[in-house]
N, C-alpha and C. Protein backbone atom coordinates (compact mmCIF):
# COMPACT_ATOMS: atom_id res chain seq x y z
N UNK A 1 0.84 -1.18 0.00
CA UNK A 1 0.00 0.00 0.00
C UNK A 1 0.89 1.25 0.00
N UNK A 2 0.57 2.20 -0.84
CA UNK A 2 1.35 3.43 -0.96
C UNK A 2 0.88 4.46 0.05
N UNK A 3 1.81 5.23 0.53
CA UNK A 3 1.49 6.31 1.46
C UNK A 3 2.05 7.60 0.89
N UNK A 4 1.28 8.65 0.97
CA UNK A 4 1.71 9.96 0.49
C UNK A 4 1.49 10.98 1.58
N UNK A 5 2.35 12.00 1.60
CA UNK A 5 2.18 13.10 2.54
C UNK A 5 1.12 14.04 1.99
N UNK A 6 0.20 14.44 2.84
CA UNK A 6 -0.82 15.40 2.43
C UNK A 6 -1.21 16.28 3.61
N UNK A 7 -1.78 17.42 3.29
CA UNK A 7 -2.34 18.34 4.28
C UNK A 7 -3.82 18.52 3.96
N UNK A 8 -4.65 18.72 4.98
CA UNK A 8 -6.10 18.84 4.74
C UNK A 8 -6.48 20.20 4.17
N UNK A 9 -7.46 20.19 3.30
CA UNK A 9 -8.08 21.41 2.77
C UNK A 9 -9.55 21.38 3.14
N UNK A 10 -10.23 22.48 2.94
CA UNK A 10 -11.66 22.54 3.26
C UNK A 10 -12.45 21.48 2.50
N UNK A 11 -12.03 21.21 1.27
CA UNK A 11 -12.76 20.25 0.43
C UNK A 11 -11.81 19.24 -0.19
N UNK A 12 -11.01 18.59 0.63
CA UNK A 12 -10.13 17.57 0.08
C UNK A 12 -8.76 17.58 0.72
N UNK A 13 -7.79 17.17 -0.06
CA UNK A 13 -6.42 17.05 0.42
C UNK A 13 -5.48 17.79 -0.51
N UNK A 14 -4.36 18.18 0.04
CA UNK A 14 -3.32 18.91 -0.67
C UNK A 14 -2.05 18.06 -0.62
N UNK A 15 -1.56 17.66 -1.79
CA UNK A 15 -0.35 16.85 -1.91
C UNK A 15 0.78 17.74 -2.42
N UNK A 16 1.67 18.22 -1.54
CA UNK A 16 2.74 19.13 -1.95
C UNK A 16 3.66 18.50 -2.99
N UNK A 17 4.36 19.36 -3.72
CA UNK A 17 5.26 18.89 -4.78
C UNK A 17 6.47 18.14 -4.26
N UNK A 18 7.06 18.63 -3.18
CA UNK A 18 8.28 18.02 -2.64
C UNK A 18 8.20 17.93 -1.12
N UNK A 19 8.65 16.81 -0.58
CA UNK A 19 8.74 16.60 0.86
C UNK A 19 10.09 15.95 1.13
N UNK A 20 10.87 16.53 2.04
CA UNK A 20 12.17 15.93 2.35
C UNK A 20 12.52 16.18 3.82
N UNK A 21 13.44 15.36 4.29
CA UNK A 21 13.96 15.55 5.64
C UNK A 21 15.34 16.17 5.51
N UNK A 22 15.56 17.28 6.19
CA UNK A 22 16.85 17.97 6.17
C UNK A 22 17.84 17.24 7.06
N UNK A 23 19.12 17.53 6.89
CA UNK A 23 20.16 16.85 7.68
C UNK A 23 20.02 17.12 9.17
N UNK A 24 19.37 18.22 9.54
CA UNK A 24 19.17 18.52 10.96
C UNK A 24 17.90 17.89 11.52
N UNK A 25 17.20 17.10 10.70
CA UNK A 25 16.01 16.39 11.15
C UNK A 25 14.69 17.08 10.86
N UNK A 26 14.73 18.36 10.49
CA UNK A 26 13.48 19.06 10.17
C UNK A 26 12.90 18.54 8.85
N UNK A 27 11.58 18.64 8.73
CA UNK A 27 10.91 18.26 7.50
C UNK A 27 10.64 19.52 6.69
N UNK A 28 10.98 19.47 5.41
CA UNK A 28 10.76 20.59 4.49
C UNK A 28 9.71 20.18 3.47
N UNK A 29 8.67 21.00 3.34
CA UNK A 29 7.61 20.77 2.37
C UNK A 29 7.60 21.96 1.42
N UNK A 30 7.67 21.66 0.12
CA UNK A 30 7.73 22.70 -0.91
C UNK A 30 6.57 22.53 -1.88
N UNK A 31 5.86 23.61 -2.11
CA UNK A 31 4.84 23.66 -3.15
C UNK A 31 5.29 24.75 -4.11
N UNK A 32 5.47 24.40 -5.38
CA UNK A 32 5.90 25.37 -6.38
C UNK A 32 4.68 25.84 -7.16
N UNK A 33 4.59 27.14 -7.37
CA UNK A 33 3.49 27.70 -8.15
C UNK A 33 4.04 28.59 -9.26
N UNK A 34 3.55 28.37 -10.46
CA UNK A 34 3.88 29.25 -11.56
C UNK A 34 3.16 30.58 -11.39
N UNK A 35 3.60 31.56 -12.13
CA UNK A 35 3.08 32.92 -11.99
C UNK A 35 1.55 32.99 -12.11
N UNK A 36 0.98 32.22 -13.01
CA UNK A 36 -0.46 32.27 -13.23
C UNK A 36 -1.26 31.73 -12.05
N UNK A 37 -0.65 30.90 -11.22
CA UNK A 37 -1.37 30.25 -10.12
C UNK A 37 -0.96 30.73 -8.73
N UNK A 38 0.04 31.55 -8.64
CA UNK A 38 0.62 31.93 -7.35
C UNK A 38 -0.35 32.66 -6.43
N UNK A 39 -1.32 33.36 -6.98
CA UNK A 39 -2.20 34.18 -6.14
C UNK A 39 -3.67 33.78 -6.21
N UNK A 40 -3.99 32.65 -6.81
CA UNK A 40 -5.41 32.28 -6.88
C UNK A 40 -5.91 31.74 -5.53
N UNK A 41 -7.22 31.55 -5.41
CA UNK A 41 -7.81 31.13 -4.14
C UNK A 41 -7.30 29.77 -3.68
N UNK A 42 -7.13 28.84 -4.61
CA UNK A 42 -6.63 27.51 -4.28
C UNK A 42 -5.23 27.61 -3.66
N UNK A 43 -4.38 28.41 -4.25
CA UNK A 43 -3.02 28.58 -3.73
C UNK A 43 -3.03 29.29 -2.38
N UNK A 44 -3.92 30.24 -2.21
CA UNK A 44 -4.02 30.95 -0.92
C UNK A 44 -4.40 29.99 0.19
N UNK A 45 -5.33 29.07 -0.08
CA UNK A 45 -5.72 28.09 0.93
C UNK A 45 -4.56 27.15 1.25
N UNK A 46 -3.87 26.69 0.21
CA UNK A 46 -2.72 25.80 0.42
C UNK A 46 -1.62 26.50 1.22
N UNK A 47 -1.36 27.76 0.90
CA UNK A 47 -0.34 28.51 1.63
C UNK A 47 -0.73 28.65 3.10
N UNK A 48 -1.98 29.00 3.36
CA UNK A 48 -2.44 29.18 4.74
C UNK A 48 -2.33 27.88 5.53
N UNK A 49 -2.75 26.78 4.94
CA UNK A 49 -2.68 25.48 5.62
C UNK A 49 -1.23 25.08 5.86
N UNK A 50 -0.39 25.23 4.85
CA UNK A 50 1.03 24.87 4.99
C UNK A 50 1.74 25.70 6.04
N UNK A 51 1.49 26.99 6.04
CA UNK A 51 2.12 27.86 7.03
C UNK A 51 1.63 27.56 8.44
N UNK A 52 0.35 27.26 8.59
CA UNK A 52 -0.19 26.90 9.91
C UNK A 52 0.40 25.58 10.40
N UNK A 53 0.50 24.61 9.51
CA UNK A 53 1.10 23.31 9.84
C UNK A 53 2.53 23.51 10.34
N UNK A 54 3.31 24.32 9.62
CA UNK A 54 4.70 24.58 10.02
C UNK A 54 4.75 25.31 11.37
N UNK A 55 3.88 26.29 11.55
CA UNK A 55 3.84 27.05 12.81
C UNK A 55 3.55 26.14 14.00
N UNK A 56 2.63 25.22 13.83
CA UNK A 56 2.25 24.32 14.92
C UNK A 56 3.29 23.24 15.21
N UNK A 57 4.27 23.09 14.34
CA UNK A 57 5.28 22.04 14.51
C UNK A 57 6.38 22.42 15.51
N UNK A 58 6.35 23.63 16.00
CA UNK A 58 7.37 24.11 16.96
C UNK A 58 8.78 24.01 16.38
N UNK A 59 8.92 24.39 15.11
CA UNK A 59 10.23 24.43 14.48
C UNK A 59 10.70 23.14 13.86
N UNK A 60 9.90 22.08 13.95
CA UNK A 60 10.30 20.79 13.39
C UNK A 60 9.99 20.67 11.90
N UNK A 61 9.11 21.53 11.39
CA UNK A 61 8.69 21.46 10.00
C UNK A 61 8.73 22.84 9.35
N UNK A 62 9.06 22.85 8.07
CA UNK A 62 9.13 24.08 7.30
C UNK A 62 8.22 23.93 6.08
N UNK A 63 7.58 25.02 5.69
CA UNK A 63 6.73 25.02 4.50
C UNK A 63 7.06 26.25 3.68
N UNK A 64 7.11 26.07 2.36
CA UNK A 64 7.29 27.21 1.47
C UNK A 64 6.46 27.01 0.23
N UNK A 65 5.81 28.08 -0.20
CA UNK A 65 5.19 28.10 -1.51
C UNK A 65 6.13 28.92 -2.38
N UNK A 66 6.94 28.22 -3.11
CA UNK A 66 7.99 28.86 -3.91
C UNK A 66 7.44 29.31 -5.26
N UNK A 67 8.01 30.40 -5.76
CA UNK A 67 7.67 30.93 -7.07
C UNK A 67 8.96 31.23 -7.82
N UNK A 68 8.87 31.46 -9.12
CA UNK A 68 10.07 31.69 -9.93
C UNK A 68 10.90 32.84 -9.36
N UNK A 69 10.27 33.95 -9.05
CA UNK A 69 10.92 35.10 -8.40
C UNK A 69 9.95 35.65 -7.36
N UNK A 70 10.40 35.78 -6.12
CA UNK A 70 9.50 36.28 -5.08
C UNK A 70 9.57 37.80 -4.99
N UNK A 71 8.88 38.39 -4.03
CA UNK A 71 8.82 39.84 -3.87
C UNK A 71 10.18 40.46 -3.59
N UNK A 72 11.11 39.67 -3.04
CA UNK A 72 12.48 40.14 -2.78
C UNK A 72 13.41 39.84 -3.95
N UNK A 73 12.84 39.42 -5.09
CA UNK A 73 13.57 39.09 -6.31
C UNK A 73 14.50 37.88 -6.16
N UNK A 74 14.17 36.97 -5.23
CA UNK A 74 14.96 35.76 -5.03
C UNK A 74 14.41 34.65 -5.92
N UNK A 75 15.31 33.88 -6.52
CA UNK A 75 14.87 32.71 -7.26
C UNK A 75 14.51 31.61 -6.27
N UNK A 76 14.10 30.45 -6.76
CA UNK A 76 13.65 29.37 -5.87
C UNK A 76 14.77 28.97 -4.91
N UNK A 77 15.98 28.86 -5.41
CA UNK A 77 17.11 28.51 -4.55
C UNK A 77 17.27 29.51 -3.41
N UNK A 78 17.20 30.80 -3.74
CA UNK A 78 17.31 31.84 -2.73
C UNK A 78 16.19 31.79 -1.70
N UNK A 79 14.98 31.49 -2.15
CA UNK A 79 13.84 31.37 -1.25
C UNK A 79 14.05 30.22 -0.27
N UNK A 80 14.53 29.08 -0.80
CA UNK A 80 14.78 27.92 0.05
C UNK A 80 15.90 28.19 1.05
N UNK A 81 16.97 28.82 0.59
CA UNK A 81 18.09 29.13 1.49
C UNK A 81 17.64 30.04 2.62
N UNK A 82 16.83 31.04 2.31
CA UNK A 82 16.35 31.96 3.35
C UNK A 82 15.47 31.25 4.37
N UNK A 83 14.71 30.28 3.94
CA UNK A 83 13.83 29.54 4.85
C UNK A 83 14.61 28.58 5.74
N UNK A 84 15.57 27.90 5.17
CA UNK A 84 16.27 26.82 5.88
C UNK A 84 17.25 27.33 6.93
N UNK A 85 17.80 28.51 6.74
CA UNK A 85 18.82 29.04 7.66
C UNK A 85 18.38 29.01 9.09
């Protein structure tokens, strides 16, 4: 039987694009959104759920909704580096 990581949504489940364990033991969950989808209602719900999940983990889990270039003009690598530090 297969198992997948998911987070709950109001009407279903959210399966993030990437899930990994960092060398320090924290779990990193990444959802990538293209420009056309970064600000729609579906993405807003996923972002809110992911951020709440990470907040409730007491530092054990990280969540990011990555985009090609964020508001600080960082590429995906830069966004991940800023989160993981």
